[in-house]
Amino acid sequence: MKKNINGLQKGSLEEVDVDGHLIQHYYLQGKDVEVHLSKYLNEVYIKSDMELTQFFK
């Protein structure tokens, strides 16, 4: 993601609960982009206030 999106700024890293769920916060043009990592479910997903597919064409 950092390679494709110019201006993406890394924010805080937070551990949400006991299963090791991590959220890495990023900011782009005043919008929040969160990368979620669930170690328990073994999955990664992105929650964003803006459409990100435009950066991956």
Protein backbone atom coordinates (compact mmCIF):
# COMPACT_ATOMS: atom_id res chain seq x y z
CA MET A 1 0.00 0.00 0.00
CA LYS A 2 2.79 2.43 0.89
CA LYS A 3 4.41 1.82 -2.51
CA ASN A 4 1.26 2.67 -4.47
CA ILE A 5 -0.19 5.58 -2.51
CA ASN A 6 1.87 8.78 -2.48
CA GLY A 7 1.28 10.96 0.56
CA LEU A 8 0.13 8.11 2.81
CA GLN A 9 1.20 8.92 6.37
CA LYS A 10 1.65 6.25 9.02
CA GLY A 11 -0.21 6.81 12.26
CA SER A 12 -0.50 4.84 15.47
CA LEU A 13 -0.51 1.08 15.94
CA GLU A 14 -3.02 -0.29 18.42
CA GLU A 15 -3.70 -3.72 19.84
CA VAL A 16 -7.44 -4.10 20.24
CA ASP A 17 -8.03 -7.19 22.33
CA VAL A 18 -6.54 -10.39 23.71
CA ASP A 19 -6.60 -12.34 20.42
CA GLY A 20 -3.81 -10.17 19.01
CA HIS A 21 -5.96 -8.05 16.68
CA LEU A 22 -3.84 -5.13 15.48
CA ILE A 23 -4.89 -1.93 13.74
CA GLN A 24 -2.32 0.19 11.90
CA HIS A 25 -3.68 3.67 11.24
CA TYR A 26 -2.72 5.66 8.16
CA TYR A 27 -3.88 9.07 6.96
CA LEU A 28 -4.35 10.33 3.42
CA GLN A 29 -5.75 13.72 2.43
CA GLY A 30 -7.36 14.09 5.86
CA LYS A 31 -9.06 10.68 5.65
CA ASP A 32 -8.47 7.64 7.86
CA VAL A 33 -7.21 4.35 6.42
CA GLU A 34 -7.01 1.38 8.82
CA VAL A 35 -5.22 -1.89 8.16
CA HIS A 36 -6.59 -4.62 10.42
CA LEU A 37 -4.65 -7.81 11.17
CA SER A 38 -6.44 -10.59 13.03
CA LYS A 39 -3.91 -13.18 14.10
CA TYR A 40 -6.69 -15.38 15.49
CA LEU A 41 -8.61 -15.49 12.19
CA ASN A 42 -5.42 -15.22 10.09
CA GLU A 43 -6.80 -12.42 7.93
CA VAL A 44 -6.00 -8.86 6.90
CA TYR A 45 -8.53 -6.28 5.78
CA ILE A 46 -8.56 -2.56 5.08
CA LYS A 47 -11.17 -0.07 6.27
CA SER A 48 -10.97 3.30 4.56
CA ASP A 49 -12.88 6.58 4.44
CA MET A 50 -11.96 6.87 0.75
CA GLU A 51 -11.91 4.58 -2.29
CA LEU A 52 -8.43 3.07 -2.65
CA THR A 53 -8.78 1.04 -5.87
CA GLN A 54 -7.77 4.11 -7.91
CA PHE A 55 -4.21 3.68 -6.61
CA PHE A 56 -3.88 0.06 -7.76
CA LYS A 57 -4.62 0.22 -11.50
